């Protein structure tokens, strides 16, 4: 649950920052947010499974 929420927050934050602060067009900002969400989710789940495997 923590991984999913942090990935959603990171994707949203990057999308908003790219659109509002940097001035990137909205479609590119949405792409950057989606890419960040996917990367953060994948990295978080990889770390979670590694930690879970080490504890067993």
C-alpha atoms as a PDB file:
ATOM      1  CA  UNK A   1       0.000   0.000   0.000  1.00  0.00           C
ATOM      2  CA  UNK A   2       2.822   2.388   0.832  1.00  0.00           C
ATOM      3  CA  UNK A   3       4.537   1.651  -2.482  1.00  0.00           C
ATOM      4  CA  UNK A   4       1.374   2.339  -4.476  1.00  0.00           C
ATOM      5  CA  UNK A   5       0.618   5.590  -2.674  1.00  0.00           C
ATOM      6  CA  UNK A   6       4.171   6.875  -2.920  1.00  0.00           C
ATOM      7  CA  UNK A   7       4.267   6.029  -6.649  1.00  0.00           C
ATOM      8  CA  UNK A   8       0.998   7.878  -7.214  1.00  0.00           C
ATOM      9  CA  UNK A   9       2.213  10.885  -5.255  1.00  0.00           C
ATOM     10  CA  UNK A  10       5.547  10.983  -7.090  1.00  0.00           C
ATOM     11  CA  UNK A  11       3.855  10.740 -10.496  1.00  0.00           C
ATOM     12  CA  UNK A  12       1.389  13.476  -9.650  1.00  0.00           C
ATOM     13  CA  UNK A  13       4.086  15.732  -8.218  1.00  0.00           C
ATOM     14  CA  UNK A  14       6.345  15.362 -11.255  1.00  0.00           C
ATOM     15  CA  UNK A  15       3.464  15.949 -13.662  1.00  0.00           C
ATOM     16  CA  UNK A  16       2.326  19.092 -11.874  1.00  0.00           C
ATOM     17  CA  UNK A  17       5.851  20.438 -11.470  1.00  0.00           C
ATOM     18  CA  UNK A  18       6.669  19.830 -15.115  1.00  0.00           C
ATOM     19  CA  UNK A  19       3.500  21.616 -16.242  1.00  0.00           C
ATOM     20  CA  UNK A  20       3.437  24.467 -13.740  1.00  0.00           C
ATOM     21  CA  UNK A  21       7.067  25.264 -13.005  1.00  0.00           C
ATOM     22  CA  UNK A  22       8.983  24.156 -16.087  1.00  0.00           C
ATOM     23  CA  UNK A  23       6.249  25.067 -18.563  1.00  0.00           C
ATOM     24  CA  UNK A  24       6.227  21.800 -20.503  1.00  0.00           C
ATOM     25  CA  UNK A  25       3.081  21.124 -22.611  1.00  0.00           C
ATOM     26  CA  UNK A  26       0.421  19.148 -20.757  1.00  0.00           C
ATOM     27  CA  UNK A  27       0.771  15.941 -22.779  1.00  0.00           C
ATOM     28  CA  UNK A  28       4.523  15.807 -22.142  1.00  0.00           C
ATOM     29  CA  UNK A  29       3.961  16.558 -18.450  1.00  0.00           C
ATOM     30  CA  UNK A  30       1.412  13.739 -18.234  1.00  0.00           C
ATOM     31  CA  UNK A  31       3.898  11.416 -19.918  1.00  0.00           C
ATOM     32  CA  UNK A  32       6.620  12.392 -17.483  1.00  0.00           C
ATOM     33  CA  UNK A  33       4.257  11.852 -14.557  1.00  0.00           C
ATOM     34  CA  UNK A  34       3.216   8.457 -15.887  1.00  0.00           C
ATOM     35  CA  UNK A  35       6.814   7.433 -16.443  1.00  0.00           C
ATOM     36  CA  UNK A  36       7.709   8.501 -12.934  1.00  0.00           C
ATOM     37  CA  UNK A  37       4.754   6.566 -11.548  1.00  0.00           C
ATOM     38  CA  UNK A  38       5.773   3.407 -13.404  1.00  0.00           C
ATOM     39  CA  UNK A  39       9.429   3.702 -12.399  1.00  0.00           C
ATOM     40  CA  UNK A  40       8.651   4.433  -8.757  1.00  0.00           C
ATOM     41  CA  UNK A  41       6.177   1.543  -8.550  1.00  0.00           C
ATOM     42  CA  UNK A  42       8.598  -0.892 -10.176  1.00  0.00           C
ATOM     43  CA  UNK A  43      11.532   0.162  -8.020  1.00  0.00           C
ATOM     44  CA  UNK A  44       9.428   0.101  -4.863  1.00  0.00           C
ATOM     45  CA  UNK A  45       8.049  -3.360  -5.535  1.00  0.00           C
ATOM     46  CA  UNK A  46      11.529  -4.650  -6.370  1.00  0.00           C
ATOM     47  CA  UNK A  47      12.873  -3.265  -3.100  1.00  0.00           C
ATOM     48  CA  UNK A  48       9.890  -4.658  -1.185  1.00  0.00           C
ATOM     49  CA  UNK A  49      10.332  -8.140  -2.633  1.00  0.00           C
ATOM     50  CA  UNK A  50      14.089  -8.048  -1.937  1.00  0.00           C
ATOM     51  CA  UNK A  51      13.540  -7.045   1.687  1.00  0.00           C
ATOM     52  CA  UNK A  52      10.792  -9.632   2.071  1.00  0.00           C
ATOM     53  CA  UNK A  53      13.043 -12.349   0.625  1.00  0.00           C
ATOM     54  CA  UNK A  54      15.886 -11.437   2.991  1.00  0.00           C
ATOM     55  CA  UNK A  55      13.670 -11.652   6.067  1.00  0.00           C
ATOM     56  CA  UNK A  56      12.559 -15.211   5.260  1.00  0.00           C
END
